[in-house]
All heavy atoms as atom14 arrays in JSON, in Angstrom:
{
  "sequence": "LRQVVRTSAGGGRVRVRLSNLFGTTPLTLGAAHVGVSAGGAHVQP",
  "atom14_mask": [
    [1, 1, 1, 1, 1, 1, 1, 1, 0, 0, 0, 0, 0, 0],
    [1, 1, 1, 1, 1, 1, 1, 1, 1, 1, 1, 0, 0, 0],
    [1, 1, 1, 1, 1, 1, 1, 1, 1, 0, 0, 0, 0, 0],
    [1, 1, 1, 1, 1, 1, 1, 0, 0, 0, 0, 0, 0, 0],
    [1, 1, 1, 1, 1, 1, 1, 0, 0, 0, 0, 0, 0, 0],
    [1, 1, 1, 1, 1, 1, 1, 1, 1, 1, 1, 0, 0, 0],
    [1, 1, 1, 1, 1, 1, 1, 0, 0, 0, 0, 0, 0, 0],
    [1, 1, 1, 1, 1, 1, 0, 0, 0, 0, 0, 0, 0, 0],
    [1, 1, 1, 1, 1, 0, 0, 0, 0, 0, 0, 0, 0, 0],
    [1, 1, 1, 1, 0, 0, 0, 0, 0, 0, 0, 0, 0, 0],
    [1, 1, 1, 1, 0, 0, 0, 0, 0, 0, 0, 0, 0, 0],
    [1, 1, 1, 1, 0, 0, 0, 0, 0, 0, 0, 0, 0, 0],
    [1, 1, 1, 1, 1, 1, 1, 1, 1, 1, 1, 0, 0, 0],
    [1, 1, 1, 1, 1, 1, 1, 0, 0, 0, 0, 0, 0, 0],
    [1, 1, 1, 1, 1, 1, 1, 1, 1, 1, 1, 0, 0, 0],
    [1, 1, 1, 1, 1, 1, 1, 0, 0, 0, 0, 0, 0, 0],
    [1, 1, 1, 1, 1, 1, 1, 1, 1, 1, 1, 0, 0, 0],
    [1, 1, 1, 1, 1, 1, 1, 1, 0, 0, 0, 0, 0, 0],
    [1, 1, 1, 1, 1, 1, 0, 0, 0, 0, 0, 0, 0, 0],
    [1, 1, 1, 1, 1, 1, 1, 1, 0, 0, 0, 0, 0, 0],
    [1, 1, 1, 1, 1, 1, 1, 1, 0, 0, 0, 0, 0, 0],
    [1, 1, 1, 1, 1, 1, 1, 1, 1, 1, 1, 0, 0, 0],
    [1, 1, 1, 1, 0, 0, 0, 0, 0, 0, 0, 0, 0, 0],
    [1, 1, 1, 1, 1, 1, 1, 0, 0, 0, 0, 0, 0, 0],
    [1, 1, 1, 1, 1, 1, 1, 0, 0, 0, 0, 0, 0, 0],
    [1, 1, 1, 1, 1, 1, 1, 0, 0, 0, 0, 0, 0, 0],
    [1, 1, 1, 1, 1, 1, 1, 1, 0, 0, 0, 0, 0, 0],
    [1, 1, 1, 1, 1, 1, 1, 0, 0, 0, 0, 0, 0, 0],
    [1, 1, 1, 1, 1, 1, 1, 1, 0, 0, 0, 0, 0, 0],
    [1, 1, 1, 1, 0, 0, 0, 0, 0, 0, 0, 0, 0, 0],
    [1, 1, 1, 1, 1, 0, 0, 0, 0, 0, 0, 0, 0, 0],
    [1, 1, 1, 1, 1, 0, 0, 0, 0, 0, 0, 0, 0, 0],
    [1, 1, 1, 1, 1, 1, 1, 1, 1, 1, 0, 0, 0, 0],
    [1, 1, 1, 1, 1, 1, 1, 0, 0, 0, 0, 0, 0, 0],
    [1, 1, 1, 1, 0, 0, 0, 0, 0, 0, 0, 0, 0, 0],
    [1, 1, 1, 1, 1, 1, 1, 0, 0, 0, 0, 0, 0, 0],
    [1, 1, 1, 1, 1, 1, 0, 0, 0, 0, 0, 0, 0, 0],
    [1, 1, 1, 1, 1, 0, 0, 0, 0, 0, 0, 0, 0, 0],
    [1, 1, 1, 1, 0, 0, 0, 0, 0, 0, 0, 0, 0, 0],
    [1, 1, 1, 1, 0, 0, 0, 0, 0, 0, 0, 0, 0, 0],
    [1, 1, 1, 1, 1, 0, 0, 0, 0, 0, 0, 0, 0, 0],
    [1, 1, 1, 1, 1, 1, 1, 1, 1, 1, 0, 0, 0, 0],
    [1, 1, 1, 1, 1, 1, 1, 0, 0, 0, 0, 0, 0, 0],
    [1, 1, 1, 1, 1, 1, 1, 1, 1, 0, 0, 0, 0, 0],
    [1, 1, 1, 1, 1, 1, 1, 0, 0, 0, 0, 0, 0, 0]
  ],
  "atom14_positions": [
    [[-84.01, 3.06, 19.54], [-82.88, 3.93, 19.23], [-81.78, 3.08, 18.61], [-81.55, 1.95, 19.05], [-82.32, 4.59, 20.49], [-83.24, 5.38, 21.41], [-83.82, 4.48, 22.49], [-82.46, 6.51, 22.06], [0.0, 0.0, 0.0], [0.0, 0.0, 0.0], [0.0, 0.0, 0.0], [0.0, 0.0, 0.0], [0.0, 0.0, 0.0], [0.0, 0.0, 0.0]],
    [[-81.1, 3.62, 17.63], [-79.94, 2.93, 17.04], [-78.76, 3.88, 17.04], [-78.86, 5.01, 16.54], [-80.24, 2.42, 15.64], [-79.04, 1.72, 14.96], [-79.5, 0.91, 13.76], [-80.3, -0.25, 14.18], [-81.01, -1.02, 13.34], [-81.03, -0.74, 12.05], [-81.7, -2.05, 13.81], [0.0, 0.0, 0.0], [0.0, 0.0, 0.0], [0.0, 0.0, 0.0]],
    [[-77.64, 3.42, 17.6], [-76.45, 4.25, 17.72], [-75.25, 3.48, 17.17], [-75.17, 2.27, 17.32], [-76.21, 4.61, 19.18], [-77.4, 5.35, 19.79], [-77.28, 5.53, 21.3], [-76.58, 6.42, 21.76], [-77.98, 4.7, 22.06], [0.0, 0.0, 0.0], [0.0, 0.0, 0.0], [0.0, 0.0, 0.0], [0.0, 0.0, 0.0], [0.0, 0.0, 0.0]],
    [[-74.33, 4.21, 16.53], [-73.16, 3.56, 15.94], [-71.91, 3.97, 16.69], [-71.81, 5.08, 17.21], [-73.03, 3.86, 14.44], [-74.22, 3.32, 13.67], [-72.86, 5.35, 14.19], [0.0, 0.0, 0.0], [0.0, 0.0, 0.0], [0.0, 0.0, 0.0], [0.0, 0.0, 0.0], [0.0, 0.0, 0.0], [0.0, 0.0, 0.0], [0.0, 0.0, 0.0]],
    [[-70.96, 3.06, 16.76], [-69.69, 3.29, 17.44], [-68.58, 2.72, 16.58], [-68.78, 1.76, 15.84], [-69.67, 2.63, 18.83], [-70.86, 3.06, 19.66], [-69.63, 1.1, 18.75], [0.0, 0.0, 0.0], [0.0, 0.0, 0.0], [0.0, 0.0, 0.0], [0.0, 0.0, 0.0], [0.0, 0.0, 0.0], [0.0, 0.0, 0.0], [0.0, 0.0, 0.0]],
    [[-67.41, 3.32, 16.68], [-66.22, 2.76, 16.02], [-65.3, 2.2, 17.08], [-64.86, 2.9, 17.99], [-65.47, 3.82, 15.19], [-64.3, 3.23, 14.4], [-63.52, 4.3, 13.65], [-64.29, 4.87, 12.56], [-64.4, 4.34, 11.35], [-63.79, 3.2, 11.07], [-65.11, 4.94, 10.42], [0.0, 0.0, 0.0], [0.0, 0.0, 0.0], [0.0, 0.0, 0.0]],
    [[-65.0, 0.92, 16.98], [-64.15, 0.26, 17.96], [-62.71, 0.76, 17.84], [-62.31, 1.36, 16.84], [-64.18, -1.26, 17.77], [-63.62, -1.58, 16.48], [-65.6, -1.8, 17.87], [0.0, 0.0, 0.0], [0.0, 0.0, 0.0], [0.0, 0.0, 0.0], [0.0, 0.0, 0.0], [0.0, 0.0, 0.0], [0.0, 0.0, 0.0], [0.0, 0.0, 0.0]],
    [[-61.91, 0.49, 18.87], [-60.47, 0.72, 18.79], [-59.74, -0.59, 18.54], [-59.01, -0.73, 17.57], [-59.96, 1.42, 20.05], [-60.32, 0.71, 21.22], [0.0, 0.0, 0.0], [0.0, 0.0, 0.0], [0.0, 0.0, 0.0], [0.0, 0.0, 0.0], [0.0, 0.0, 0.0], [0.0, 0.0, 0.0], [0.0, 0.0, 0.0], [0.0, 0.0, 0.0]],
    [[-59.97, -1.59, 19.39], [-59.35, -2.91, 19.24], [-60.41, -3.94, 18.87], [-61.6, -3.75, 19.13], [-58.66, -3.31, 20.54], [0.0, 0.0, 0.0], [0.0, 0.0, 0.0], [0.0, 0.0, 0.0], [0.0, 0.0, 0.0], [0.0, 0.0, 0.0], [0.0, 0.0, 0.0], [0.0, 0.0, 0.0], [0.0, 0.0, 0.0], [0.0, 0.0, 0.0]],
    [[-59.97, -5.04, 18.27], [-60.88, -6.1, 17.86], [-60.85, -7.29, 18.81], [-60.03, -7.38, 19.72], [0.0, 0.0, 0.0], [0.0, 0.0, 0.0], [0.0, 0.0, 0.0], [0.0, 0.0, 0.0], [0.0, 0.0, 0.0], [0.0, 0.0, 0.0], [0.0, 0.0, 0.0], [0.0, 0.0, 0.0], [0.0, 0.0, 0.0], [0.0, 0.0, 0.0]],
    [[-61.77, -8.22, 18.57], [-61.85, -9.43, 19.38], [-62.9, -10.36, 18.84], [-63.63, -10.02, 17.9], [0.0, 0.0, 0.0], [0.0, 0.0, 0.0], [0.0, 0.0, 0.0], [0.0, 0.0, 0.0], [0.0, 0.0, 0.0], [0.0, 0.0, 0.0], [0.0, 0.0, 0.0], [0.0, 0.0, 0.0], [0.0, 0.0, 0.0], [0.0, 0.0, 0.0]],
    [[-63.01, -11.54, 19.44], [-63.93, -12.56, 18.96], [-65.28, -12.55, 19.65], [-66.22, -13.18, 19.17], [0.0, 0.0, 0.0], [0.0, 0.0, 0.0], [0.0, 0.0, 0.0], [0.0, 0.0, 0.0], [0.0, 0.0, 0.0], [0.0, 0.0, 0.0], [0.0, 0.0, 0.0], [0.0, 0.0, 0.0], [0.0, 0.0, 0.0], [0.0, 0.0, 0.0]],
    [[-65.38, -11.84, 20.77], [-66.66, -11.73, 21.48], [-66.86, -10.28, 21.87], [-65.9, -9.51, 22.0], [-66.66, -12.61, 22.73], [-66.34, -14.07, 22.48], [-66.23, -14.83, 23.8], [-67.53, -15.29, 24.27], [-67.8, -15.61, 25.54], [-66.86, -15.45, 26.48], [-68.98, -16.05, 25.88], [0.0, 0.0, 0.0], [0.0, 0.0, 0.0], [0.0, 0.0, 0.0]],
    [[-68.12, -9.91, 22.07], [-68.44, -8.52, 22.38], [-69.53, -8.48, 23.44], [-70.38, -9.37, 23.52], [-68.86, -7.75, 21.1], [-70.14, -8.34, 20.51], [-69.03, -6.27, 21.38], [0.0, 0.0, 0.0], [0.0, 0.0, 0.0], [0.0, 0.0, 0.0], [0.0, 0.0, 0.0], [0.0, 0.0, 0.0], [0.0, 0.0, 0.0], [0.0, 0.0, 0.0]],
    [[-69.48, -7.46, 24.28], [-70.56, -7.17, 25.22], [-70.71, -5.66, 25.33], [-69.79, -4.9, 24.99], [-70.29, -7.8, 26.59], [-69.08, -7.26, 27.32], [-68.74, -8.1, 28.55], [-67.66, -7.48, 29.32], [-67.0, -8.1, 30.32], [-67.33, -9.34, 30.66], [-66.03, -7.46, 30.96], [0.0, 0.0, 0.0], [0.0, 0.0, 0.0], [0.0, 0.0, 0.0]],
    [[-71.88, -5.24, 25.8], [-72.24, -3.83, 25.79], [-72.64, -3.41, 27.2], [-73.33, -4.15, 27.91], [-73.41, -3.59, 24.81], [-74.0, -2.2, 24.97], [-72.94, -3.81, 23.37], [0.0, 0.0, 0.0], [0.0, 0.0, 0.0], [0.0, 0.0, 0.0], [0.0, 0.0, 0.0], [0.0, 0.0, 0.0], [0.0, 0.0, 0.0], [0.0, 0.0, 0.0]],
    [[-72.19, -2.22, 27.62], [-72.58, -1.65, 28.91], [-73.55, -0.5, 28.68], [-73.33, 0.35, 27.82], [-71.36, -1.16, 29.69], [-70.48, -2.27, 30.2], [-69.35, -1.77, 31.08], [-68.5, -2.86, 31.48], [-68.65, -3.57, 32.6], [-69.63, -3.23, 33.45], [-67.84, -4.57, 32.89], [0.0, 0.0, 0.0], [0.0, 0.0, 0.0], [0.0, 0.0, 0.0]],
    [[-74.6, -0.48, 29.5], [-75.63, 0.54, 29.43], [-75.75, 1.23, 30.77], [-75.58, 0.6, 31.82], [-76.97, -0.09, 29.04], [-76.96, -0.91, 27.75], [-78.27, -1.67, 27.58], [-76.7, -0.01, 26.55], [0.0, 0.0, 0.0], [0.0, 0.0, 0.0], [0.0, 0.0, 0.0], [0.0, 0.0, 0.0], [0.0, 0.0, 0.0], [0.0, 0.0, 0.0]],
    [[-76.05, 2.52, 30.75], [-76.04, 3.31, 31.97], [-77.37, 4.03, 32.19], [-77.95, 4.6, 31.25], [-74.92, 4.36, 31.92], [-74.97, 5.22, 33.04], [0.0, 0.0, 0.0], [0.0, 0.0, 0.0], [0.0, 0.0, 0.0], [0.0, 0.0, 0.0], [0.0, 0.0, 0.0], [0.0, 0.0, 0.0], [0.0, 0.0, 0.0], [0.0, 0.0, 0.0]],
    [[-77.82, 4.02, 33.44], [-78.97, 4.83, 33.88], [-78.48, 5.79, 34.97], [-79.19, 6.06, 35.94], [-80.07, 3.92, 34.41], [-81.39, 4.64, 34.62], [-81.67, 5.66, 34.0], [-82.22, 4.13, 35.52], [0.0, 0.0, 0.0], [0.0, 0.0, 0.0], [0.0, 0.0, 0.0], [0.0, 0.0, 0.0], [0.0, 0.0, 0.0], [0.0, 0.0, 0.0]],
    [[-77.26, 6.31, 34.79], [-76.6, 7.1, 35.83], [-77.44, 8.29, 36.27], [-77.52, 8.61, 37.46], [-75.23, 7.58, 35.33], [-74.41, 8.41, 36.31], [-74.05, 7.59, 37.55], [-73.14, 8.93, 35.63], [0.0, 0.0, 0.0], [0.0, 0.0, 0.0], [0.0, 0.0, 0.0], [0.0, 0.0, 0.0], [0.0, 0.0, 0.0], [0.0, 0.0, 0.0]],
    [[-78.08, 8.98, 35.34], [-78.83, 10.2, 35.66], [-80.34, 9.97, 35.69], [-81.11, 10.92, 35.87], [-78.48, 11.31, 34.68], [-77.04, 11.75, 34.78], [-76.09, 11.24, 33.9], [-76.64, 12.63, 35.75], [-74.76, 11.63, 33.99], [-75.31, 13.03, 35.85], [-74.37, 12.52, 34.97], [0.0, 0.0, 0.0], [0.0, 0.0, 0.0], [0.0, 0.0, 0.0]],
    [[-80.76, 8.73, 35.52], [-82.18, 8.43, 35.53], [-82.79, 8.62, 36.91], [-82.14, 8.41, 37.93], [0.0, 0.0, 0.0], [0.0, 0.0, 0.0], [0.0, 0.0, 0.0], [0.0, 0.0, 0.0], [0.0, 0.0, 0.0], [0.0, 0.0, 0.0], [0.0, 0.0, 0.0], [0.0, 0.0, 0.0], [0.0, 0.0, 0.0], [0.0, 0.0, 0.0]],
    [[-84.05, 8.99, 36.94], [-84.78, 9.17, 38.2], [-85.73, 8.02, 38.48], [-86.3, 7.94, 39.56], [-85.58, 10.49, 38.16], [-86.47, 10.46, 37.03], [-84.64, 11.68, 38.04], [0.0, 0.0, 0.0], [0.0, 0.0, 0.0], [0.0, 0.0, 0.0], [0.0, 0.0, 0.0], [0.0, 0.0, 0.0], [0.0, 0.0, 0.0], [0.0, 0.0, 0.0]],
    [[-85.89, 7.15, 37.51], [-86.73, 5.96, 37.66], [-86.0, 4.78, 37.03], [-85.05, 4.96, 36.26], [-88.08, 6.15, 36.93], [-87.83, 6.37, 35.54], [-88.87, 7.32, 37.52], [0.0, 0.0, 0.0], [0.0, 0.0, 0.0], [0.0, 0.0, 0.0], [0.0, 0.0, 0.0], [0.0, 0.0, 0.0], [0.0, 0.0, 0.0], [0.0, 0.0, 0.0]],
    [[-86.42, 3.54, 37.33], [-85.8, 2.39, 36.67], [-85.94, 2.49, 35.15], [-86.96, 2.93, 34.63], [-86.58, 1.2, 37.24], [-87.09, 1.67, 38.56], [-87.4, 3.13, 38.36], [0.0, 0.0, 0.0], [0.0, 0.0, 0.0], [0.0, 0.0, 0.0], [0.0, 0.0, 0.0], [0.0, 0.0, 0.0], [0.0, 0.0, 0.0], [0.0, 0.0, 0.0]],
    [[-84.87, 2.09, 34.47], [-84.85, 2.07, 33.0], [-85.1, 0.64, 32.54], [-84.31, -0.25, 32.85], [-83.49, 2.56, 32.49], [-83.17, 2.29, 31.02], [-84.1, 3.09, 30.11], [-81.7, 2.62, 30.73], [0.0, 0.0, 0.0], [0.0, 0.0, 0.0], [0.0, 0.0, 0.0], [0.0, 0.0, 0.0], [0.0, 0.0, 0.0], [0.0, 0.0, 0.0]],
    [[-86.18, 0.42, 31.81], [-86.47, -0.89, 31.27], [-86.22, -0.89, 29.77], [-86.75, -0.05, 29.04], [-87.92, -1.3, 31.54], [-88.12, -1.42, 32.95], [-88.24, -2.65, 30.89], [0.0, 0.0, 0.0], [0.0, 0.0, 0.0], [0.0, 0.0, 0.0], [0.0, 0.0, 0.0], [0.0, 0.0, 0.0], [0.0, 0.0, 0.0], [0.0, 0.0, 0.0]],
    [[-85.38, -1.83, 29.35], [-85.13, -2.05, 27.93], [-85.75, -3.39, 27.56], [-85.42, -4.42, 28.15], [-83.63, -2.05, 27.65], [-82.91, -0.73, 27.95], [-81.41, -0.89, 27.82], [-83.42, 0.37, 27.02], [0.0, 0.0, 0.0], [0.0, 0.0, 0.0], [0.0, 0.0, 0.0], [0.0, 0.0, 0.0], [0.0, 0.0, 0.0], [0.0, 0.0, 0.0]],
    [[-86.65, -3.37, 26.6], [-87.34, -4.59, 26.22], [-86.52, -5.47, 25.31], [-86.77, -6.68, 25.22], [0.0, 0.0, 0.0], [0.0, 0.0, 0.0], [0.0, 0.0, 0.0], [0.0, 0.0, 0.0], [0.0, 0.0, 0.0], [0.0, 0.0, 0.0], [0.0, 0.0, 0.0], [0.0, 0.0, 0.0], [0.0, 0.0, 0.0], [0.0, 0.0, 0.0]],
    [[-85.54, -4.88, 24.6], [-84.68, -5.64, 23.69], [-83.46, -4.8, 23.38], [-83.5, -3.57, 23.42], [-85.42, -6.0, 22.41], [0.0, 0.0, 0.0], [0.0, 0.0, 0.0], [0.0, 0.0, 0.0], [0.0, 0.0, 0.0], [0.0, 0.0, 0.0], [0.0, 0.0, 0.0], [0.0, 0.0, 0.0], [0.0, 0.0, 0.0], [0.0, 0.0, 0.0]],
    [[-82.37, -5.5, 23.06], [-81.13, -4.84, 22.64], [-80.43, -5.73, 21.63], [-80.42, -6.97, 21.78], [-80.23, -4.56, 23.83], [0.0, 0.0, 0.0], [0.0, 0.0, 0.0], [0.0, 0.0, 0.0], [0.0, 0.0, 0.0], [0.0, 0.0, 0.0], [0.0, 0.0, 0.0], [0.0, 0.0, 0.0], [0.0, 0.0, 0.0], [0.0, 0.0, 0.0]],
    [[-79.86, -5.11, 20.6], [-79.16, -5.86, 19.56], [-77.85, -5.17, 19.23], [-77.7, -3.95, 19.4], [-80.01, -5.95, 18.28], [-81.12, -6.94, 18.34], [-81.25, -7.98, 17.43], [-82.15, -7.08, 19.2], [-82.32, -8.69, 17.72], [-82.9, -8.16, 18.79], [0.0, 0.0, 0.0], [0.0, 0.0, 0.0], [0.0, 0.0, 0.0], [0.0, 0.0, 0.0]],
    [[-76.89, -5.95, 18.72], [-75.64, -5.4, 18.21], [-75.34, -6.09, 16.89], [-75.59, -7.29, 16.71], [-74.48, -5.59, 19.21], [-74.18, -7.07, 19.45], [-73.21, -4.87, 18.73], [0.0, 0.0, 0.0], [0.0, 0.0, 0.0], [0.0, 0.0, 0.0], [0.0, 0.0, 0.0], [0.0, 0.0, 0.0], [0.0, 0.0, 0.0], [0.0, 0.0, 0.0]],
    [[-74.82, -5.32, 15.95], [-74.43, -5.87, 14.66], [-73.41, -4.96, 14.0], [-73.08, -3.89, 14.51], [0.0, 0.0, 0.0], [0.0, 0.0, 0.0], [0.0, 0.0, 0.0], [0.0, 0.0, 0.0], [0.0, 0.0, 0.0], [0.0, 0.0, 0.0], [0.0, 0.0, 0.0], [0.0, 0.0, 0.0], [0.0, 0.0, 0.0], [0.0, 0.0, 0.0]],
    [[-72.93, -5.38, 12.85], [-71.97, -4.59, 12.1], [-72.73, -3.54, 11.29], [-73.69, -3.86, 10.58], [-71.13, -5.48, 11.17], [-70.19, -4.65, 10.31], [-70.35, -6.5, 12.0], [0.0, 0.0, 0.0], [0.0, 0.0, 0.0], [0.0, 0.0, 0.0], [0.0, 0.0, 0.0], [0.0, 0.0, 0.0], [0.0, 0.0, 0.0], [0.0, 0.0, 0.0]],
    [[-72.33, -2.29, 11.41], [-72.99, -1.22, 10.68], [-72.7, -1.34, 9.19], [-71.58, -1.63, 8.77], [-72.5, 0.14, 11.19], [-72.98, 1.19, 10.36], [0.0, 0.0, 0.0], [0.0, 0.0, 0.0], [0.0, 0.0, 0.0], [0.0, 0.0, 0.0], [0.0, 0.0, 0.0], [0.0, 0.0, 0.0], [0.0, 0.0, 0.0], [0.0, 0.0, 0.0]],
    [[-73.74, -1.08, 8.39], [-73.59, -1.02, 6.95], [-73.73, 0.41, 6.45], [-74.0, 0.66, 5.28], [-74.63, -1.92, 6.27], [0.0, 0.0, 0.0], [0.0, 0.0, 0.0], [0.0, 0.0, 0.0], [0.0, 0.0, 0.0], [0.0, 0.0, 0.0], [0.0, 0.0, 0.0], [0.0, 0.0, 0.0], [0.0, 0.0, 0.0], [0.0, 0.0, 0.0]],
    [[-73.55, 1.37, 7.37], [-73.66, 2.78, 7.03], [-75.02, 3.32, 7.39], [-76.04, 2.62, 7.27], [0.0, 0.0, 0.0], [0.0, 0.0, 0.0], [0.0, 0.0, 0.0], [0.0, 0.0, 0.0], [0.0, 0.0, 0.0], [0.0, 0.0, 0.0], [0.0, 0.0, 0.0], [0.0, 0.0, 0.0], [0.0, 0.0, 0.0], [0.0, 0.0, 0.0]],
    [[-75.06, 4.55, 7.86], [-76.32, 5.14, 8.27], [-76.98, 4.31, 9.35], [-76.34, 3.86, 10.29], [0.0, 0.0, 0.0], [0.0, 0.0, 0.0], [0.0, 0.0, 0.0], [0.0, 0.0, 0.0], [0.0, 0.0, 0.0], [0.0, 0.0, 0.0], [0.0, 0.0, 0.0], [0.0, 0.0, 0.0], [0.0, 0.0, 0.0], [0.0, 0.0, 0.0]],
    [[-78.29, 4.1, 9.22], [-79.04, 3.3, 10.19], [-79.11, 1.84, 9.78], [-79.86, 1.07, 10.37], [-80.44, 3.87, 10.35], [0.0, 0.0, 0.0], [0.0, 0.0, 0.0], [0.0, 0.0, 0.0], [0.0, 0.0, 0.0], [0.0, 0.0, 0.0], [0.0, 0.0, 0.0], [0.0, 0.0, 0.0], [0.0, 0.0, 0.0], [0.0, 0.0, 0.0]],
    [[-78.32, 1.44, 8.79], [-78.37, 0.07, 8.27], [-77.46, -0.86, 9.07], [-76.39, -0.47, 9.53], [-77.95, 0.03, 6.8], [-78.78, 0.88, 5.9], [-79.89, 0.41, 5.24], [-78.68, 2.19, 5.56], [-80.43, 1.38, 4.53], [-79.7, 2.47, 4.7], [0.0, 0.0, 0.0], [0.0, 0.0, 0.0], [0.0, 0.0, 0.0], [0.0, 0.0, 0.0]],
    [[-77.87, -2.13, 9.18], [-77.07, -3.18, 9.8], [-76.74, -4.21, 8.73], [-77.61, -4.62, 7.94], [-77.82, -3.85, 10.97], [-77.02, -5.03, 11.53], [-78.09, -2.83, 12.07], [0.0, 0.0, 0.0], [0.0, 0.0, 0.0], [0.0, 0.0, 0.0], [0.0, 0.0, 0.0], [0.0, 0.0, 0.0], [0.0, 0.0, 0.0], [0.0, 0.0, 0.0]],
    [[-75.49, -4.63, 8.68], [-75.03, -5.59, 7.68], [-75.8, -6.9, 7.81], [-75.87, -7.47, 8.91], [-73.54, -5.83, 7.86], [-72.92, -6.74, 6.83], [-71.41, -6.82, 7.02], [-70.72, -5.81, 7.01], [-70.91, -8.02, 7.23], [0.0, 0.0, 0.0], [0.0, 0.0, 0.0], [0.0, 0.0, 0.0], [0.0, 0.0, 0.0], [0.0, 0.0, 0.0]],
    [[-76.39, -7.41, 6.74], [-77.15, -8.67, 6.83], [-76.31, -9.81, 7.39], [-75.13, -9.95, 7.05], [-77.55, -8.93, 5.37], [-77.54, -7.58, 4.73], [-76.42, -6.83, 5.39], [0.0, 0.0, 0.0], [0.0, 0.0, 0.0], [0.0, 0.0, 0.0], [0.0, 0.0, 0.0], [0.0, 0.0, 0.0], [0.0, 0.0, 0.0], [0.0, 0.0, 0.0]]
  ]
}
């Protein structure tokens, strides 16, 4: 899945929070990435 967000404030480091609040089983994520959006589903090289 790829999702885009628009920040409010800037900074030099970033971290991401993920939630399984309504899950009924453990949620396993095999990988996660963050980058600058280049529009649509694209990530800036």
